[in-house]
C-alpha cells in the first residue's frame, strides 16, 4: 500500500511538472495560492502532492477490493476445506 502511494505520487509529480513546463503560468492563474500553504516544489503546490500520495494509498485498497485480489500470504495460509463425498 505504501509503495502504491509513492508510485502514484511520483507519477503525479512528473505529469504535473510537465504540465507546468507546457503551460507556464497556469497554476498561479487557476489555483488560489494565497489560500494554500504557498509551498511549491518545481511549481507543484504541496497540497497537490499530499492529495496524490493519499489517493495512491486509497486507490490500492479500492482496486484490491473491486478486483477481488488477495495477497499471496493471505491466500496461502487460508484453511483448506476437506473434500466431501463418498470415499
PDB file of N, CA and C in Angstrom:
ATOM      1  N   UNK A   1       0.814  -1.180   0.000  1.00  0.00           N
ATOM      2  CA  UNK A   1       0.000   0.000   0.000  1.00  0.00           C
ATOM      3  C   UNK A   1       0.868   1.259   0.000  1.00  0.00           C
ATOM      4  N   UNK A   2       1.933   1.262   0.776  1.00  0.00           N
ATOM      5  CA  UNK A   2       2.825   2.423   0.800  1.00  0.00           C
ATOM      6  C   UNK A   2       3.536   2.600  -0.532  1.00  0.00           C
ATOM      7  N   UNK A   3       3.854   1.499  -1.162  1.00  0.00           N
ATOM      8  CA  UNK A   3       4.525   1.566  -2.464  1.00  0.00           C
ATOM      9  C   UNK A   3       3.599   2.211  -3.490  1.00  0.00           C
ATOM     10  N   UNK A   4       2.339   1.839  -3.482  1.00  0.00           N
ATOM     11  CA  UNK A   4       1.405   2.414  -4.445  1.00  0.00           C
ATOM     12  C   UNK A   4       1.227   3.910  -4.216  1.00  0.00           C
ATOM     13  N   UNK A   5       1.227   4.339  -2.958  1.00  0.00           N
ATOM     14  CA  UNK A   5       1.147   5.762  -2.667  1.00  0.00           C
ATOM     15  C   UNK A   5       2.349   6.515  -3.197  1.00  0.00           C
ATOM     16  N   UNK A   6       3.530   5.952  -3.021  1.00  0.00           N
ATOM     17  CA  UNK A   6       4.749   6.577  -3.523  1.00  0.00           C
ATOM     18  C   UNK A   6       4.831   6.586  -5.036  1.00  0.00           C
ATOM     19  N   UNK A   7       4.402   5.493  -5.656  1.00  0.00           N
ATOM     20  CA  UNK A   7       4.426   5.430  -7.119  1.00  0.00           C
ATOM     21  C   UNK A   7       3.461   6.429  -7.748  1.00  0.00           C
ATOM     22  N   UNK A   8       2.262   6.522  -7.184  1.00  0.00           N
ATOM     23  CA  UNK A   8       1.308   7.476  -7.737  1.00  0.00           C
ATOM     24  C   UNK A   8       1.771   8.909  -7.492  1.00  0.00           C
ATOM     25  N   UNK A   9       2.380   9.159  -6.347  1.00  0.00           N
ATOM     26  CA  UNK A   9       2.936  10.481  -6.058  1.00  0.00           C
ATOM     27  C   UNK A   9       3.997  10.845  -7.089  1.00  0.00           C
ATOM     28  N   UNK A  10       4.878   9.924  -7.391  1.00  0.00           N
ATOM     29  CA  UNK A  10       5.923  10.165  -8.389  1.00  0.00           C
ATOM     30  C   UNK A  10       5.322  10.420  -9.774  1.00  0.00           C
ATOM     31  N   UNK A  11       4.380   9.591 -10.177  1.00  0.00           N
ATOM     32  CA  UNK A  11       3.724   9.767 -11.470  1.00  0.00           C
ATOM     33  C   UNK A  11       3.005  11.110 -11.539  1.00  0.00           C
ATOM     34  N   UNK A  12       2.272  11.450 -10.505  1.00  0.00           N
ATOM     35  CA  UNK A  12       1.514  12.703 -10.456  1.00  0.00           C
ATOM     36  C   UNK A  12       2.462  13.898 -10.523  1.00  0.00           C
ATOM     37  N   UNK A  13       3.569  13.825  -9.796  1.00  0.00           N
ATOM     38  CA  UNK A  13       4.537  14.916  -9.798  1.00  0.00           C
ATOM     39  C   UNK A  13       5.144  15.117 -11.183  1.00  0.00           C
ATOM     40  N   UNK A  14       5.525  14.028 -11.841  1.00  0.00           N
ATOM     41  CA  UNK A  14       6.128  14.122 -13.176  1.00  0.00           C
ATOM     42  C   UNK A  14       5.134  14.718 -14.173  1.00  0.00           C
ATOM     43  N   UNK A  15       3.900  14.247 -14.147  1.00  0.00           N
ATOM     44  CA  UNK A  15       2.885  14.758 -15.075  1.00  0.00           C
ATOM     45  C   UNK A  15       2.586  16.224 -14.777  1.00  0.00           C
ATOM     46  N   UNK A  16       2.472  16.570 -13.501  1.00  0.00           N
ATOM     47  CA  UNK A  16       2.166  17.954 -13.129  1.00  0.00           C
ATOM     48  C   UNK A  16       3.320  18.876 -13.505  1.00  0.00           C
ATOM     49  N   UNK A  17       4.557  18.461 -13.288  1.00  0.00           N
ATOM     50  CA  UNK A  17       5.719  19.271 -13.657  1.00  0.00           C
ATOM     51  C   UNK A  17       5.793  19.447 -15.172  1.00  0.00           C
ATOM     52  N   UNK A  18       5.491  18.394 -15.926  1.00  0.00           N
ATOM     53  CA  UNK A  18       5.472  18.501 -17.391  1.00  0.00           C
ATOM     54  C   UNK A  18       4.366  19.450 -17.836  1.00  0.00           C
ATOM     55  N   UNK A  19       3.231  19.400 -17.163  1.00  0.00           N
ATOM     56  CA  UNK A  19       2.133  20.316 -17.453  1.00  0.00           C
ATOM     57  C   UNK A  19       2.565  21.759 -17.204  1.00  0.00           C
ATOM     58  N   UNK A  20       3.305  21.983 -16.118  1.00  0.00           N
ATOM     59  CA  UNK A  20       3.813  23.332 -15.817  1.00  0.00           C
ATOM     60  C   UNK A  20       4.788  23.813 -16.883  1.00  0.00           C
ATOM     61  N   UNK A  21       5.583  22.909 -17.422  1.00  0.00           N
ATOM     62  CA  UNK A  21       6.509  23.298 -18.487  1.00  0.00           C
ATOM     63  C   UNK A  21       5.766  23.611 -19.787  1.00  0.00           C
ATOM     64  N   UNK A  22       4.722  22.850 -20.067  1.00  0.00           N
ATOM     65  CA  UNK A  22       3.963  23.054 -21.294  1.00  0.00           C
ATOM     66  C   UNK A  22       3.096  24.311 -21.229  1.00  0.00           C
ATOM     67  N   UNK A  23       2.564  24.600 -20.046  1.00  0.00           N
ATOM     68  CA  UNK A  23       1.674  25.754 -19.873  1.00  0.00           C
ATOM     69  C   UNK A  23       2.149  26.606 -18.705  1.00  0.00           C
ATOM     70  N   UNK A  24       3.209  27.379 -18.877  1.00  0.00           N
ATOM     71  CA  UNK A  24       3.719  28.194 -17.773  1.00  0.00           C
ATOM     72  C   UNK A  24       2.702  29.258 -17.354  1.00  0.00           C
ATOM     73  N   UNK A  25       2.598  29.454 -16.059  1.00  0.00           N
ATOM     74  CA  UNK A  25       1.680  30.451 -15.517  1.00  0.00           C
ATOM     75  C   UNK A  25       0.274  29.953 -15.275  1.00  0.00           C
ATOM     76  N   UNK A  26      -0.011  28.706 -15.635  1.00  0.00           N
ATOM     77  CA  UNK A  26      -1.368  28.179 -15.451  1.00  0.00           C
ATOM     78  C   UNK A  26      -1.695  27.989 -13.973  1.00  0.00           C
ATOM     79  N   UNK A  27      -0.782  27.429 -13.222  1.00  0.00           N
ATOM     80  CA  UNK A  27      -1.047  27.158 -11.807  1.00  0.00           C
ATOM     81  C   UNK A  27      -1.324  28.445 -11.030  1.00  0.00           C
ATOM     82  N   UNK A  28      -0.485  29.468 -11.137  1.00  0.00           N
ATOM     83  CA  UNK A  28      -0.795  30.698 -10.378  1.00  0.00           C
ATOM     84  C   UNK A  28      -2.092  31.378 -10.824  1.00  0.00           C
ATOM     85  N   UNK A  29      -2.476  31.191 -12.082  1.00  0.00           N
ATOM     86  CA  UNK A  29      -3.696  31.853 -12.546  1.00  0.00           C
ATOM     87  C   UNK A  29      -4.961  31.083 -12.180  1.00  0.00           C
ATOM     88  N   UNK A  30      -4.856  29.782 -11.941  1.00  0.00           N
ATOM     89  CA  UNK A  30      -6.047  28.973 -11.653  1.00  0.00           C
ATOM     90  C   UNK A  30      -6.146  28.600 -10.172  1.00  0.00           C
ATOM     91  N   UNK A  31      -5.039  28.214  -9.549  1.00  0.00           N
ATOM     92  CA  UNK A  31      -5.053  27.844  -8.144  1.00  0.00           C
ATOM     93  C   UNK A  31      -5.114  29.099  -7.285  1.00  0.00           C
ATOM     94  N   UNK A  32      -5.796  29.019  -6.178  1.00  0.00           N
ATOM     95  CA  UNK A  32      -5.854  30.124  -5.219  1.00  0.00           C
ATOM     96  C   UNK A  32      -4.676  29.965  -4.259  1.00  0.00           C
ATOM     97  N   UNK A  33      -3.497  30.326  -4.712  1.00  0.00           N
ATOM     98  CA  UNK A  33      -2.269  30.088  -3.945  1.00  0.00           C
ATOM     99  C   UNK A  33      -2.241  30.789  -2.589  1.00  0.00           C
ATOM    100  N   UNK A  34      -2.813  31.986  -2.421  1.00  0.00           N
ATOM    101  CA  UNK A  34      -2.805  32.583  -1.074  1.00  0.00           C
ATOM    102  C   UNK A  34      -3.592  31.762  -0.049  1.00  0.00           C
ATOM    103  N   UNK A  35      -4.556  30.974  -0.507  1.00  0.00           N
ATOM    104  CA  UNK A  35      -5.333  30.139   0.408  1.00  0.00           C
ATOM    105  C   UNK A  35      -4.610  28.842   0.750  1.00  0.00           C
ATOM    106  N   UNK A  36      -3.556  28.526   0.019  1.00  0.00           N
ATOM    107  CA  UNK A  36      -2.790  27.303   0.258  1.00  0.00           C
ATOM    108  C   UNK A  36      -1.573  27.631   1.114  1.00  0.00           C
ATOM    109  N   UNK A  37      -0.737  26.642   1.343  1.00  0.00           N
ATOM    110  CA  UNK A  37       0.449  26.845   2.186  1.00  0.00           C
ATOM    111  C   UNK A  37       1.479  27.745   1.527  1.00  0.00           C
ATOM    112  N   UNK A  38       1.457  27.830   0.206  1.00  0.00           N
ATOM    113  CA  UNK A  38       2.434  28.639  -0.512  1.00  0.00           C
ATOM    114  C   UNK A  38       3.705  27.885  -0.853  1.00  0.00           C
ATOM    115  N   UNK A  39       3.787  26.631  -0.450  1.00  0.00           N
ATOM    116  CA  UNK A  39       4.967  25.814  -0.739  1.00  0.00           C
ATOM    117  C   UNK A  39       4.785  25.176  -2.112  1.00  0.00           C
ATOM    118  N   UNK A  40       5.719  25.480  -3.015  1.00  0.00           N
ATOM    119  CA  UNK A  40       5.700  24.911  -4.358  1.00  0.00           C
ATOM    120  C   UNK A  40       6.984  24.132  -4.589  1.00  0.00           C
ATOM    121  N   UNK A  41       6.861  22.904  -5.053  1.00  0.00           N
ATOM    122  CA  UNK A  41       8.016  22.087  -5.408  1.00  0.00           C
ATOM    123  C   UNK A  41       8.020  21.944  -6.921  1.00  0.00           C
ATOM    124  N   UNK A  42       8.962  22.598  -7.573  1.00  0.00           N
ATOM    125  CA  UNK A  42       9.036  22.636  -9.036  1.00  0.00           C
ATOM    126  C   UNK A  42       7.738  23.146  -9.641  1.00  0.00           C
ATOM    127  N   UNK A  43       7.113  24.104  -8.962  1.00  0.00           N
ATOM    128  CA  UNK A  43       5.870  24.687  -9.451  1.00  0.00           C
ATOM    129  C   UNK A  43       4.624  23.902  -9.085  1.00  0.00           C
ATOM    130  N   UNK A  44       4.766  22.821  -8.349  1.00  0.00           N
ATOM    131  CA  UNK A  44       3.631  21.987  -7.953  1.00  0.00           C
ATOM    132  C   UNK A  44       3.280  22.311  -6.503  1.00  0.00           C
ATOM    133  N   UNK A  45       2.035  22.725  -6.237  1.00  0.00           N
ATOM    134  CA  UNK A  45       1.644  23.018  -4.854  1.00  0.00           C
ATOM    135  C   UNK A  45       1.774  21.787  -3.953  1.00  0.00           C
ATOM    136  N   UNK A  46       2.223  22.004  -2.737  1.00  0.00           N
ATOM    137  CA  UNK A  46       2.407  20.914  -1.769  1.00  0.00           C
ATOM    138  C   UNK A  46       1.105  20.154  -1.544  1.00  0.00           C
ATOM    139  N   UNK A  47      -0.006  20.856  -1.524  1.00  0.00           N
ATOM    140  CA  UNK A  47      -1.294  20.203  -1.292  1.00  0.00           C
ATOM    141  C   UNK A  47      -1.648  19.226  -2.406  1.00  0.00           C
ATOM    142  N   UNK A  48      -1.221  19.517  -3.621  1.00  0.00           N
ATOM    143  CA  UNK A  48      -1.452  18.578  -4.722  1.00  0.00           C
ATOM    144  C   UNK A  48      -0.662  17.294  -4.507  1.00  0.00           C
ATOM    145  N   UNK A  49       0.543  17.428  -4.008  1.00  0.00           N
ATOM    146  CA  UNK A  49       1.367  16.239  -3.750  1.00  0.00           C
ATOM    147  C   UNK A  49       0.802  15.437  -2.578  1.00  0.00           C
ATOM    148  N   UNK A  50       0.268  16.131  -1.588  1.00  0.00           N
ATOM    149  CA  UNK A  50      -0.368  15.433  -0.467  1.00  0.00           C
ATOM    150  C   UNK A  50      -1.599  14.664  -0.953  1.00  0.00           C
ATOM    151  N   UNK A  51      -2.370  15.287  -1.839  1.00  0.00           N
ATOM    152  CA  UNK A  51      -3.528  14.600  -2.413  1.00  0.00           C
ATOM    153  C   UNK A  51      -3.097  13.367  -3.198  1.00  0.00           C
ATOM    154  N   UNK A  52      -2.043  13.512  -3.996  1.00  0.00           N
ATOM    155  CA  UNK A  52      -1.590  12.400  -4.829  1.00  0.00           C
ATOM    156  C   UNK A  52      -1.151  11.216  -3.979  1.00  0.00           C
ATOM    157  N   UNK A  53      -0.403  11.465  -2.928  1.00  0.00           N
ATOM    158  CA  UNK A  53       0.055  10.348  -2.088  1.00  0.00           C
ATOM    159  C   UNK A  53      -1.115   9.696  -1.361  1.00  0.00           C
ATOM    160  N   UNK A  54      -2.044  10.499  -0.871  1.00  0.00           N
ATOM    161  CA  UNK A  54      -3.214   9.951  -0.180  1.00  0.00           C
ATOM    162  C   UNK A  54      -4.088   9.154  -1.146  1.00  0.00           C
ATOM    163  N   UNK A  55      -4.282   9.671  -2.348  1.00  0.00           N
ATOM    164  CA  UNK A  55      -5.090   8.959  -3.334  1.00  0.00           C
ATOM    165  C   UNK A  55      -4.431   7.647  -3.738  1.00  0.00           C
ATOM    166  N   UNK A  56      -3.111   7.639  -3.872  1.00  0.00           N
ATOM    167  CA  UNK A  56      -2.401   6.410  -4.202  1.00  0.00           C
ATOM    168  C   UNK A  56      -2.561   5.356  -3.118  1.00  0.00           C
ATOM    169  N   UNK A  57      -2.523   5.780  -1.863  1.00  0.00           N
ATOM    170  CA  UNK A  57      -2.736   4.844  -0.755  1.00  0.00           C
ATOM    171  C   UNK A  57      -4.164   4.291  -0.776  1.00  0.00           C
ATOM    172  N   UNK A  58      -5.112   5.168  -1.013  1.00  0.00           N
ATOM    173  CA  UNK A  58      -6.523   4.780  -1.026  1.00  0.00           C
ATOM    174  C   UNK A  58      -6.837   3.862  -2.212  1.00  0.00           C
ATOM    175  N   UNK A  59      -6.351   4.227  -3.395  1.00  0.00           N
ATOM    176  CA  UNK A  59      -6.728   3.510  -4.598  1.00  0.00           C
ATOM    177  C   UNK A  59      -6.248   2.067  -4.594  1.00  0.00           C
ATOM    178  N   UNK A  60      -5.102   1.795  -3.994  1.00  0.00           N
ATOM    179  CA  UNK A  60      -4.615   0.413  -3.981  1.00  0.00           C
ATOM    180  C   UNK A  60      -5.584  -0.499  -3.232  1.00  0.00           C
ATOM    181  N   UNK A  61      -6.162  -0.012  -2.162  1.00  0.00           N
ATOM    182  CA  UNK A  61      -7.138  -0.819  -1.416  1.00  0.00           C
ATOM    183  C   UNK A  61      -8.441  -0.956  -2.181  1.00  0.00           C
ATOM    184  N   UNK A  62      -8.872   0.118  -2.836  1.00  0.00           N
ATOM    185  CA  UNK A  62     -10.112   0.056  -3.619  1.00  0.00           C
ATOM    186  C   UNK A  62      -9.946  -0.924  -4.776  1.00  0.00           C
ATOM    187  N   UNK A  63      -8.813  -0.861  -5.473  1.00  0.00           N
ATOM    188  CA  UNK A  63      -8.581  -1.778  -6.593  1.00  0.00           C
ATOM    189  C   UNK A  63      -8.574  -3.226  -6.106  1.00  0.00           C
ATOM    190  N   UNK A  64      -7.914  -3.466  -4.988  1.00  0.00           N
ATOM    191  CA  UNK A  64      -7.860  -4.832  -4.457  1.00  0.00           C
ATOM    192  C   UNK A  64      -9.259  -5.334  -4.140  1.00  0.00           C
ATOM    193  N   UNK A  65     -10.091  -4.471  -3.596  1.00  0.00           N
ATOM    194  CA  UNK A  65     -11.458  -4.876  -3.273  1.00  0.00           C
ATOM    195  C   UNK A  65     -12.286  -5.101  -4.535  1.00  0.00           C
ATOM    196  N   UNK A  66     -12.199  -4.178  -5.498  1.00  0.00           N
ATOM    197  CA  UNK A  66     -13.008  -4.306  -6.708  1.00  0.00           C
ATOM    198  C   UNK A  66     -12.579  -5.482  -7.576  1.00  0.00           C
ATOM    199  N   UNK A  67     -11.294  -5.763  -7.605  1.00  0.00           N
ATOM    200  CA  UNK A  67     -10.796  -6.862  -8.423  1.00  0.00           C
ATOM    201  C   UNK A  67     -10.787  -8.186  -7.655  1.00  0.00           C
ATOM    202  N   UNK A  68     -11.148  -8.147  -6.383  1.00  0.00           N
ATOM    203  CA  UNK A  68     -11.157  -9.322  -5.529  1.00  0.00           C
ATOM    204  C   UNK A  68      -9.791 -10.012  -5.504  1.00  0.00           C
ATOM    205  N   UNK A  69      -8.759  -9.217  -5.414  1.00  0.00           N
ATOM    206  CA  UNK A  69      -7.402  -9.749  -5.317  1.00  0.00           C
ATOM    207  C   UNK A  69      -7.071  -9.972  -3.854  1.00  0.00           C
ATOM    208  N   UNK A  70      -6.284 -11.004  -3.598  1.00  0.00           N
ATOM    209  CA  UNK A  70      -5.801 -11.264  -2.249  1.00  0.00           C
ATOM    210  C   UNK A  70      -4.300 -11.412  -2.313  1.00  0.00           C
ATOM    211  N   UNK A  71      -3.657 -11.007  -1.252  1.00  0.00           N
ATOM    212  CA  UNK A  71      -2.207 -11.158  -1.232  1.00  0.00           C
ATOM    213  C   UNK A  71      -1.867 -12.642  -1.145  1.00  0.00           C
ATOM    214  N   UNK A  72      -0.688 -13.006  -1.591  1.00  0.00           N
ATOM    215  CA  UNK A  72      -0.283 -14.419  -1.586  1.00  0.00           C
ATOM    216  C   UNK A  72      -0.223 -14.978  -0.179  1.00  0.00           C
ATOM    217  N   UNK A  73       0.203 -14.150   0.769  1.00  0.00           N
ATOM    218  CA  UNK A  73       0.320 -14.631   2.141  1.00  0.00           C
ATOM    219  C   UNK A  73      -1.045 -15.022   2.681  1.00  0.00           C
ATOM    220  N   UNK A  74      -2.045 -14.198   2.479  1.00  0.00           N
ATOM    221  CA  UNK A  74      -3.388 -14.498   2.974  1.00  0.00           C
ATOM    222  C   UNK A  74      -3.946 -15.715   2.256  1.00  0.00           C
ATOM    223  N   UNK A  75      -3.762 -15.768   0.951  1.00  0.00           N
ATOM    224  CA  UNK A  75      -4.311 -16.891   0.186  1.00  0.00           C
ATOM    225  C   UNK A  75      -3.618 -18.197   0.547  1.00  0.00           C
ATOM    226  N   UNK A  76      -2.317 -18.167   0.826  1.00  0.00           N
ATOM    227  CA  UNK A  76      -1.597 -19.409   1.102  1.00  0.00           C
ATOM    228  C   UNK A  76      -1.831 -19.915   2.517  1.00  0.00           C
ATOM    229  N   UNK A  77      -2.263 -19.060   3.435  1.00  0.00           N
ATOM    230  CA  UNK A  77      -2.485 -19.504   4.807  1.00  0.00           C
ATOM    231  C   UNK A  77      -3.953 -19.782   5.079  1.00  0.00           C
ATOM    232  N   UNK A  78      -4.810 -19.616   4.078  1.00  0.00           N
ATOM    233  CA  UNK A  78      -6.228 -19.894   4.263  1.00  0.00           C
ATOM    234  C   UNK A  78      -6.409 -21.390   4.492  1.00  0.00           C
ATOM    235  N   UNK A  79      -7.299 -21.747   5.398  1.00  0.00           N
ATOM    236  CA  UNK A  79      -7.523 -23.180   5.642  1.00  0.00           C
ATOM    237  C   UNK A  79      -8.143 -23.845   4.417  1.00  0.00           C
ATOM    238  N   UNK A  80      -7.731 -25.068   4.202  1.00  0.00           N
ATOM    239  CA  UNK A  80      -8.246 -25.843   3.069  1.00  0.00           C
ATOM    240  C   UNK A  80      -9.357 -26.738   3.583  1.00  0.00           C
ATOM    241  N   UNK A  81     -10.507 -26.667   2.912  1.00  0.00           N
ATOM    242  CA  UNK A  81     -11.662 -27.474   3.339  1.00  0.00           C
ATOM    243  C   UNK A  81     -11.428 -28.937   2.944  1.00  0.00           C
ATOM    244  N   UNK A  82     -11.886 -29.822   3.790  1.00  0.00           N
ATOM    245  CA  UNK A  82     -11.765 -31.248   3.497  1.00  0.00           C
ATOM    246  C   UNK A  82     -12.738 -31.610   2.371  1.00  0.00           C
ATOM    247  N   UNK A  83     -12.337 -32.510   1.488  1.00  0.00           N
ATOM    248  CA  UNK A  83     -13.246 -32.910   0.416  1.00  0.00           C
ATOM    249  C   UNK A  83     -14.476 -33.628   0.975  1.00  0.00           C
ATOM    250  N   UNK A  84     -15.591 -33.382   0.339  1.00  0.00           N
ATOM    251  CA  UNK A  84     -16.833 -34.034   0.781  1.00  0.00           C
ATOM    252  C   UNK A  84     -17.213 -35.107  -0.233  1.00  0.00           C
ATOM    253  N   UNK A  85     -17.997 -36.035   0.218  1.00  0.00           N
ATOM    254  CA  UNK A  85     -18.453 -37.090  -0.695  1.00  0.00           C
ATOM    255  C   UNK A  85     -18.006 -38.459  -0.185  1.00  0.00           C
ATOM    256  N   UNK A  86     -18.399 -39.483  -0.897  1.00  0.00           N
ATOM    257  CA  UNK A  86     -18.082 -40.853  -0.502  1.00  0.00           C
ATOM    258  C   UNK A  86     -16.627 -41.161  -0.806  1.00  0.00           C
ATOM    259  N   UNK A  87     -16.021 -41.911   0.095  1.00  0.00           N
ATOM    260  CA  UNK A  87     -14.621 -42.278  -0.086  1.00  0.00           C
ATOM    261  C   UNK A  87     -14.473 -43.644  -0.692  1.00  0.00           C
TER     262      UNK A  87
END
